[in-house]
């Protein structure tokens, strides 16, 4: 049986009510406007929801969303660590606030994690004994629009955007995790994230 190594406490949960990439002139751009903080996430088959202003709201990465960004459920749930945001602020500036990348789960952990640290799987453990397993973990690759947002320059030259894409990749932008526990499952602020050795 794999050993579980605690990583940190979940300090923020959020959903995206619509795509963070929108059409504009002269090009598409990234906006954090559709991000909404929630106290808990409910995961069911092909669907993530959270309560926004008292109403159950579907995340845009759910297959059930009318503007779904779902890719075979592999990108439905994402996780980032506070240490990654510290790195982003040091490099790009104070506008890189925690949660600005639109991840569902923000975990308190003061260093950078590589895919090799989490690729054996993750487990979320609730204070009430709930356990949710994620056996498939992959890199959440960055997009051009988020790279331009990080640079705070919609007209940044292609070379600078390419360098930013490279820097944000390999987990700096975060990871996708696929739930393998029985559904529905509930994740709450204050739960603990653990990694399988």
Protein backbone atom coordinates (compact mmCIF):
# COMPACT_ATOMS: atom_id res chain seq x y z
CA UNK A 1 0.00 0.00 0.00
CA UNK A 2 1.36 3.42 -1.00
CA UNK A 3 2.43 5.78 1.75
CA UNK A 4 0.65 9.15 1.90
CA UNK A 5 2.75 12.28 2.39
CA UNK A 6 0.86 15.37 3.62
CA UNK A 7 1.37 18.41 1.37
CA UNK A 8 -0.85 21.08 2.88
CA UNK A 9 -4.26 22.45 3.74
CA UNK A 10 -6.75 23.58 1.11
CA UNK A 11 -7.17 27.32 1.72
CA UNK A 12 -9.25 28.31 -1.30
CA UNK A 13 -11.76 26.66 -3.63
CA UNK A 14 -13.22 28.22 -6.75
CA UNK A 15 -15.06 27.60 -9.99
CA UNK A 16 -15.13 29.32 -13.38
CA UNK A 17 -18.64 30.30 -14.45
CA UNK A 18 -17.45 30.77 -18.06
CA UNK A 19 -14.22 30.69 -20.06
CA UNK A 20 -11.38 32.91 -18.85
CA UNK A 21 -10.31 33.44 -22.46
CA UNK A 22 -12.52 35.93 -24.29
CA UNK A 23 -12.57 37.50 -27.73
CA UNK A 24 -11.18 41.01 -27.99
CA UNK A 25 -9.31 43.43 -30.22
CA UNK A 26 -6.73 42.91 -31.50
CA UNK A 27 -6.75 39.37 -30.04
CA UNK A 28 -8.27 37.05 -27.45
CA UNK A 29 -7.29 37.88 -23.90
CA UNK A 30 -7.39 36.32 -20.42
CA UNK A 31 -9.70 37.66 -17.72
CA UNK A 32 -10.17 36.36 -14.15
CA UNK A 33 -13.68 37.93 -14.02
CA UNK A 34 -15.61 34.58 -14.21
CA UNK A 35 -13.74 33.09 -11.20
CA UNK A 36 -15.93 32.64 -8.12
CA UNK A 37 -14.77 31.53 -4.68
CA UNK A 38 -16.78 28.77 -2.99
CA UNK A 39 -16.64 27.03 0.38
CA UNK A 40 -16.99 23.54 -1.12
CA UNK A 41 -16.89 21.71 -4.45
CA UNK A 42 -19.17 18.82 -5.34
CA UNK A 43 -17.82 16.42 -7.96
CA UNK A 44 -20.16 14.11 -9.81
CA UNK A 45 -19.88 12.31 -13.15
CA UNK A 46 -18.55 14.88 -15.64
CA UNK A 47 -19.56 17.77 -13.39
CA UNK A 48 -18.11 20.11 -10.75
CA UNK A 49 -20.37 22.52 -8.89
CA UNK A 50 -20.16 25.04 -6.08
CA UNK A 51 -22.57 27.39 -4.34
CA UNK A 52 -22.34 30.94 -5.71
CA UNK A 53 -24.70 33.46 -4.07
CA UNK A 54 -26.67 30.52 -2.67
CA UNK A 55 -27.17 28.84 -6.06
CA UNK A 56 -25.54 25.65 -7.29
CA UNK A 57 -23.29 26.76 -10.15
CA UNK A 58 -21.55 24.53 -12.72
CA UNK A 59 -17.86 24.99 -13.52
CA UNK A 60 -17.06 25.63 -17.19
CA UNK A 61 -14.82 22.52 -17.27
CA UNK A 62 -17.84 20.32 -16.57
CA UNK A 63 -19.21 18.32 -19.49
CA UNK A 64 -22.66 19.61 -18.49
CA UNK A 65 -21.77 23.32 -18.90
CA UNK A 66 -23.38 24.95 -21.98
CA UNK A 67 -19.98 26.45 -22.96
CA UNK A 68 -18.03 23.41 -21.76
CA UNK A 69 -14.23 23.44 -21.87
CA UNK A 70 -14.16 19.78 -20.81
CA UNK A 71 -11.68 17.49 -22.57
CA UNK A 72 -12.71 13.96 -21.66
CA UNK A 73 -12.76 14.89 -17.92
CA UNK A 74 -8.94 15.03 -17.93
CA UNK A 75 -8.95 18.80 -17.35
CA UNK A 76 -12.02 19.01 -15.14
CA UNK A 77 -10.28 19.67 -11.79
CA UNK A 78 -7.07 21.67 -11.26
CA UNK A 79 -4.80 22.33 -8.29
CA UNK A 80 -2.09 24.93 -7.59
CA UNK A 81 0.10 25.67 -4.56
CA UNK A 82 0.77 28.94 -2.76
CA UNK A 83 4.51 28.55 -3.36
CA UNK A 84 3.87 28.64 -7.10
CA UNK A 85 2.13 32.00 -6.75
CA UNK A 86 5.11 33.36 -4.81
CA UNK A 87 7.30 32.40 -7.78
CA UNK A 88 4.87 34.03 -10.23
CA UNK A 89 4.73 37.28 -8.23
CA UNK A 90 8.51 37.45 -7.98
CA UNK A 91 8.83 37.11 -11.75
CA UNK A 92 5.75 38.94 -13.09
CA UNK A 93 4.46 41.25 -10.37
CA UNK A 94 1.84 41.72 -7.69
CA UNK A 95 -1.10 41.27 -10.09
CA UNK A 96 -0.44 37.50 -9.92
CA UNK A 97 -2.77 37.11 -6.95
CA UNK A 98 -3.55 33.76 -5.39
CA UNK A 99 -6.29 32.07 -7.38
CA UNK A 100 -5.85 34.31 -10.45
CA UNK A 101 -4.93 31.30 -12.63
CA UNK A 102 -8.44 29.92 -12.14
CA UNK A 103 -7.57 26.63 -10.45
CA UNK A 104 -10.29 24.84 -8.49
CA UNK A 105 -8.09 24.01 -5.51
CA UNK A 106 -5.41 26.19 -3.88
CA UNK A 107 -3.21 24.39 -1.36
CA UNK A 108 -0.99 26.00 1.26
CA UNK A 109 2.54 24.81 0.43
CA UNK A 110 5.49 27.20 0.33
CA UNK A 111 7.64 25.53 -2.34
CA UNK A 112 7.30 24.54 -5.98
CA UNK A 113 6.11 21.02 -6.76
CA UNK A 114 7.14 19.11 -9.90
CA UNK A 115 5.03 16.50 -11.68
CA UNK A 116 7.34 13.85 -10.21
CA UNK A 117 6.17 14.92 -6.72
CA UNK A 118 2.49 14.25 -7.49
CA UNK A 119 2.36 11.84 -10.45
CA UNK A 120 1.74 8.78 -8.25
CA UNK A 121 -1.60 10.26 -7.27
CA UNK A 122 -3.19 12.57 -4.73
CA UNK A 123 -5.67 12.11 -1.89
CA UNK A 124 -7.85 14.73 -0.24
CA UNK A 125 -8.75 13.99 3.36
CA UNK A 126 -11.54 15.80 5.19
CA UNK A 127 -11.71 16.45 8.91
CA UNK A 128 -14.76 14.19 8.98
CA UNK A 129 -12.79 11.25 7.53
CA UNK A 130 -13.79 11.74 3.88
CA UNK A 131 -11.15 10.53 1.43
CA UNK A 132 -11.10 11.35 -2.27
CA UNK A 133 -8.49 9.71 -4.52
CA UNK A 134 -6.98 11.16 -7.69
CA UNK A 135 -4.95 8.51 -9.50
CA UNK A 136 -4.19 10.47 -12.67
CA UNK A 137 -2.27 13.74 -12.31
CA UNK A 138 -0.95 15.73 -15.27
CA UNK A 139 0.55 19.15 -15.99
CA UNK A 140 -1.92 21.99 -16.64
CA UNK A 141 -0.15 23.52 -19.62
CA UNK A 142 -0.38 27.30 -19.86
CA UNK A 143 -2.02 29.16 -22.75
CA UNK A 144 -0.85 32.18 -24.73
CA UNK A 145 -3.60 34.35 -23.24
CA UNK A 146 -2.58 33.60 -19.64
CA UNK A 147 1.07 34.20 -20.58
CA UNK A 148 0.21 37.67 -21.89
CA UNK A 149 -1.80 38.29 -18.70
CA UNK A 150 1.23 37.30 -16.59
CA UNK A 151 3.38 39.69 -18.62
CA UNK A 152 0.68 42.37 -18.19
CA UNK A 153 1.10 43.14 -21.89
CA UNK A 154 -1.46 42.14 -24.54
CA UNK A 155 1.05 43.13 -27.23
CA UNK A 156 4.10 41.33 -25.82
CA UNK A 157 6.41 40.11 -28.61
CA UNK A 158 6.18 36.46 -29.65
CA UNK A 159 9.62 35.61 -28.23
CA UNK A 160 8.69 36.94 -24.78
CA UNK A 161 5.37 35.06 -24.86
CA UNK A 162 7.19 31.86 -25.85
CA UNK A 163 9.64 32.27 -22.94
CA UNK A 164 6.73 32.84 -20.57
CA UNK A 165 4.89 29.75 -21.82
CA UNK A 166 8.02 27.72 -21.12
CA UNK A 167 8.41 29.18 -17.62
CA UNK A 168 4.76 28.57 -16.71
CA UNK A 169 4.84 24.97 -17.94
CA UNK A 170 5.95 21.79 -16.14
CA UNK A 171 3.57 22.42 -13.25
CA UNK A 172 4.26 26.05 -12.42
CA UNK A 173 0.78 26.86 -13.75
CA UNK A 174 -0.56 23.85 -11.80
CA UNK A 175 -1.82 20.32 -12.34
CA UNK A 176 -4.97 18.51 -13.44
CA UNK A 177 -6.21 15.66 -11.23
CA UNK A 178 -8.77 13.02 -12.20
CA UNK A 179 -11.05 11.68 -9.44
CA UNK A 180 -11.08 7.91 -9.12
CA UNK A 181 -13.14 7.64 -5.92
CA UNK A 182 -16.83 6.84 -6.07
CA UNK A 183 -18.99 9.85 -6.87
CA UNK A 184 -20.44 12.20 -5.84
CA UNK A 185 -17.57 13.53 -3.73
CA UNK A 186 -17.24 16.74 -1.73
CA UNK A 187 -14.14 18.91 -1.18
CA UNK A 188 -14.16 21.59 1.50
CA UNK A 189 -11.90 24.48 2.49
CA UNK A 190 -9.75 23.14 5.34
CA UNK A 191 -9.36 19.65 3.87
CA UNK A 192 -5.81 18.28 3.57
CA UNK A 193 -4.06 17.31 0.34
CA UNK A 194 -1.70 14.33 0.45
CA UNK A 195 0.56 12.80 -2.21
CA UNK A 196 1.19 9.10 -2.75
CA UNK A 197 4.88 8.16 -2.52
